[in-house]
Amino acid sequence: MTFNSYIINDEVIFNMDVNELQPVAGKDHEAITLNTPTARCLQLLLESNGNIISRDEFLSAVWKERGVVVSQNTFYQNISLLRKSLLRAGLTQDVVVTVRQRGFVIATGTVIRQVTLQNEFNSAQPLSTDASMRIINDKYIAKIDDAEVQNSVRKTFRINGLTSRQLSWWTFIIVAIMAIINIIFLCFIFF
């Protein structure tokens, strides 16, 4: 199983697999679960490499490509919710910048570290970590070999997240419950 995440300014981890903002281990903030469109907005901003994303690009990538049409008001509500959630999760400054008449961008100087954690099902081995760092609007891109950052990410996933075994177990339970409900429902319809 692969966990894809971004660490923002060494303060907040954005776990894309569960749409969750988590404070870096040792920080005194709460984990925040984002709704799917808000998480997609954040992902688009983080993957933009410091480029401005227009409102139309957001609407297309987050909603239209999935067959959903929303108002501009819905879009702006999601951006507002994203900003508030990032601050509640532990960021000390707003990193989503409005560029008047053009769109939104991640603030200059924001440090973004992309982290991929891998763990095979039924494996007793610890999570392996591959992390890369980039500073928005800067030319510097480097591999991180910082054991402290890697350990912090591992601790956060152990504390706030589920292990792959727990995740597969809960998935099985949910699917079994759904199957039982469907069988009961079908029995009522046909008998």
Foldseek 3Di string as FASTA:
>chain_A
DKWKWKQKQQFWIQTLVQQWIAGFPPDDAHIDHADQLLSQVVVCQVPVLFDFQFLVNSQCRRAVVVPHHDDSVVVVVSVVVNQVNVVRNTDPDRQWDADPPGHIHGHAQIKMKIKMWDDDPPDPDQIDIWIKIDGRPDPDTGTDPDVVSVVRVSVRCVVPHDDPHVVVVVVVVVVVVVVVVVVVVVVVVPD
